[in-house]
C-alpha atoms as a PDB file:
ATOM      1  CA  MET A   1      -0.001  -0.001   0.000  1.00  0.00           C
ATOM      2  CA  ASP A   2       1.329   3.424  -0.982  1.00  0.00           C
ATOM      3  CA  PHE A   3       0.834   6.121   1.626  1.00  0.00           C
ATOM      4  CA  GLY A   4       2.547   8.848  -0.399  1.00  0.00           C
ATOM      5  CA  PHE A   5       0.896  11.804  -2.031  1.00  0.00           C
ATOM      6  CA  SER A   6      -0.235  11.609  -5.641  1.00  0.00           C
ATOM      7  CA  ALA A   7       1.566  13.739  -8.223  1.00  0.00           C
ATOM      8  CA  GLU A   8      -1.346  16.210  -8.108  1.00  0.00           C
ATOM      9  CA  GLU A   9      -1.156  16.434  -4.308  1.00  0.00           C
ATOM     10  CA  GLU A  10       2.625  16.948  -4.413  1.00  0.00           C
ATOM     11  CA  ALA A  11       2.147  19.761  -6.923  1.00  0.00           C
ATOM     12  CA  PHE A  12      -0.438  21.333  -4.622  1.00  0.00           C
ATOM     13  CA  ARG A  13       1.968  20.982  -1.668  1.00  0.00           C
ATOM     14  CA  GLU A  14       4.672  22.781  -3.645  1.00  0.00           C
ATOM     15  CA  ASP A  15       2.268  25.611  -4.520  1.00  0.00           C
ATOM     16  CA  VAL A  16       1.278  26.021  -0.868  1.00  0.00           C
ATOM     17  CA  ARG A  17       4.891  25.810   0.309  1.00  0.00           C
ATOM     18  CA  ARG A  18       6.069  28.397  -2.225  1.00  0.00           C
ATOM     19  CA  PHE A  19       3.229  30.771  -1.256  1.00  0.00           C
ATOM     20  CA  LEU A  20       3.871  30.415   2.483  1.00  0.00           C
ATOM     21  CA  LYS A  21       7.636  30.835   2.093  1.00  0.00           C
ATOM     22  CA  GLN A  22       6.917  34.276   0.711  1.00  0.00           C
ATOM     23  CA  GLU A  23       3.947  35.238   2.908  1.00  0.00           C
ATOM     24  CA  VAL A  24       4.841  33.905   6.388  1.00  0.00           C
ATOM     25  CA  THR A  25       7.185  36.689   7.365  1.00  0.00           C
ATOM     26  CA  ASP A  26       9.241  37.207  10.507  1.00  0.00           C
ATOM     27  CA  GLY A  27       6.427  39.508  11.665  1.00  0.00           C
ATOM     28  CA  VAL A  28       3.872  36.718  11.337  1.00  0.00           C
ATOM     29  CA  ARG A  29       6.120  34.235  13.154  1.00  0.00           C
ATOM     30  CA  ALA A  30       6.774  36.707  15.979  1.00  0.00           C
ATOM     31  CA  GLU A  31       3.025  37.316  16.445  1.00  0.00           C
ATOM     32  CA  VAL A  32       2.250  33.581  16.432  1.00  0.00           C
ATOM     33  CA  GLU A  33       5.075  32.764  18.861  1.00  0.00           C
ATOM     34  CA  SER A  34       4.052  35.565  21.247  1.00  0.00           C
ATOM     35  CA  GLY A  35       0.838  33.750  22.163  1.00  0.00           C
ATOM     36  CA  MET A  36      -0.858  37.153  22.429  1.00  0.00           C
ATOM     37  CA  GLY A  37      -3.268  36.676  19.537  1.00  0.00           C
ATOM     38  CA  PHE A  38      -3.193  37.796  15.952  1.00  0.00           C
ATOM     39  CA  GLY A  39      -1.566  41.075  15.042  1.00  0.00           C
ATOM     40  CA  PRO A  40      -1.511  42.993  11.772  1.00  0.00           C
ATOM     41  CA  HIS A  41       0.993  40.679  10.079  1.00  0.00           C
ATOM     42  CA  THR A  42      -1.049  37.564  10.848  1.00  0.00           C
ATOM     43  CA  TRP A  43      -4.336  39.181   9.803  1.00  0.00           C
ATOM     44  CA  GLY A  44      -2.678  40.173   6.523  1.00  0.00           C
ATOM     45  CA  LEU A  45      -1.628  36.568   5.965  1.00  0.00           C
ATOM     46  CA  LEU A  46      -5.133  35.316   6.773  1.00  0.00           C
ATOM     47  CA  ARG A  47      -6.605  37.692   4.183  1.00  0.00           C
ATOM     48  CA  LYS A  48      -4.203  36.331   1.582  1.00  0.00           C
ATOM     49  CA  LEU A  49      -5.035  32.739   2.539  1.00  0.00           C
ATOM     50  CA  GLY A  50      -8.702  33.629   2.146  1.00  0.00           C
ATOM     51  CA  ALA A  51      -8.075  35.064  -1.315  1.00  0.00           C
ATOM     52  CA  GLU A  52      -6.503  31.719  -2.295  1.00  0.00           C
ATOM     53  CA  ARG A  53      -9.498  29.899  -0.730  1.00  0.00           C
ATOM     54  CA  TRP A  54      -7.015  28.131   1.533  1.00  0.00           C
ATOM     55  CA  LEU A  55      -8.419  29.558   4.766  1.00  0.00           C
ATOM     56  CA  THR A  56     -11.544  27.416   4.428  1.00  0.00           C
ATOM     57  CA  PRO A  57     -10.378  24.748   1.969  1.00  0.00           C
ATOM     58  CA  GLN A  58     -13.109  22.168   2.575  1.00  0.00           C
ATOM     59  CA  TRP A  59     -15.983  24.601   2.451  1.00  0.00           C
ATOM     60  CA  PRO A  60     -17.954  24.624  -0.813  1.00  0.00           C
ATOM     61  CA  GLU A  61     -16.765  27.157  -3.385  1.00  0.00           C
ATOM     62  CA  LYS A  62     -20.171  28.835  -3.081  1.00  0.00           C
ATOM     63  CA  TYR A  63     -19.258  29.876   0.486  1.00  0.00           C
ATOM     64  CA  GLY A  64     -15.627  30.849  -0.046  1.00  0.00           C
ATOM     65  CA  GLY A  65     -13.892  27.471   0.097  1.00  0.00           C
ATOM     66  CA  MET A  66     -12.263  25.414  -2.609  1.00  0.00           C
ATOM     67  CA  GLY A  67     -14.156  22.160  -2.135  1.00  0.00           C
ATOM     68  CA  ALA A  68     -10.855  20.550  -1.108  1.00  0.00           C
ATOM     69  CA  THR A  69     -10.222  16.974  -0.132  1.00  0.00           C
ATOM     70  CA  TYR A  70      -9.114  16.032   3.367  1.00  0.00           C
ATOM     71  CA  VAL A  71      -5.620  15.524   1.990  1.00  0.00           C
ATOM     72  CA  GLN A  72      -5.503  19.042   0.555  1.00  0.00           C
ATOM     73  CA  LYS A  73      -6.716  20.444   3.885  1.00  0.00           C
ATOM     74  CA  PHE A  74      -4.025  18.456   5.682  1.00  0.00           C
ATOM     75  CA  ILE A  75      -1.362  19.743   3.282  1.00  0.00           C
ATOM     76  CA  ILE A  76      -2.339  23.368   3.965  1.00  0.00           C
ATOM     77  CA  GLN A  77      -2.343  22.843   7.736  1.00  0.00           C
ATOM     78  CA  GLU A  78       0.948  20.956   7.706  1.00  0.00           C
ATOM     79  CA  GLU A  79       2.689  23.529   5.541  1.00  0.00           C
ATOM     80  CA  LEU A  80       1.378  26.363   7.737  1.00  0.00           C
ATOM     81  CA  ALA A  81       2.861  24.610  10.768  1.00  0.00           C
ATOM     82  CA  TYR A  82       6.216  24.071   9.020  1.00  0.00           C
ATOM     83  CA  ALA A  83       6.321  27.735   7.990  1.00  0.00           C
ATOM     84  CA  GLY A  84       5.544  28.986  11.502  1.00  0.00           C
ATOM     85  CA  GLY A  85       2.123  30.334  10.564  1.00  0.00           C
ATOM     86  CA  PRO A  86      -1.038  30.431  12.665  1.00  0.00           C
ATOM     87  CA  GLU A  87      -3.335  27.536  13.419  1.00  0.00           C
ATOM     88  CA  THR A  88      -6.787  27.641  11.905  1.00  0.00           C
ATOM     89  CA  LEU A  89      -9.340  29.909  13.534  1.00  0.00           C
ATOM     90  CA  ILE A  90     -12.174  28.565  15.678  1.00  0.00           C
ATOM     91  CA  ALA A  91     -14.628  30.306  13.330  1.00  0.00           C
ATOM     92  CA  VAL A  92     -13.171  28.401  10.394  1.00  0.00           C
ATOM     93  CA  SER A  93     -12.673  24.986  11.950  1.00  0.00           C
ATOM     94  CA  MET A  94     -15.574  24.787  14.433  1.00  0.00           C
ATOM     95  CA  ALA A  95     -18.286  27.419  14.096  1.00  0.00           C
ATOM     96  CA  GLY A  96     -18.279  27.624  10.299  1.00  0.00           C
ATOM     97  CA  PRO A  97     -18.880  23.907   9.655  1.00  0.00           C
ATOM     98  CA  VAL A  98     -21.829  23.944  12.075  1.00  0.00           C
ATOM     99  CA  VAL A  99     -23.397  26.878  10.236  1.00  0.00           C
ATOM    100  CA  LEU A 100     -22.729  25.186   6.884  1.00  0.00           C
ATOM    101  CA  ARG A 101     -24.462  22.040   8.055  1.00  0.00           C
ATOM    102  CA  TYR A 102     -27.363  23.391  10.120  1.00  0.00           C
ATOM    103  CA  GLY A 103     -27.687  27.067   9.227  1.00  0.00           C
ATOM    104  CA  SER A 104     -30.204  28.686   6.968  1.00  0.00           C
ATOM    105  CA  GLU A 105     -29.132  29.884   3.531  1.00  0.00           C
ATOM    106  CA  GLU A 106     -29.144  33.437   4.885  1.00  0.00           C
ATOM    107  CA  GLN A 107     -26.761  32.487   7.729  1.00  0.00           C
ATOM    108  CA  LYS A 108     -24.388  30.755   5.333  1.00  0.00           C
END
């Protein structure tokens, strides 16, 4: 059994890695390591992740996601950790999925 990534997944990993190498700056890492919450550098990174649809990868495209697979979501999270970026937000990883599943169309 092969537990490696497919060629498509490896290409996606490289895209994410290249993006984060440029966008996770020393300012972002300092804010993350401080444990004091997100500062302007981290919020800037989150906006850029959102523009790539990588902030909410498994959400449907209709609601700002990319309709990603679990593997793609894992790749984004793993590469963020390697780069020293922030963990996902509670709104993205906990509250959002509940609204997507049980909320009205207006709430979504």
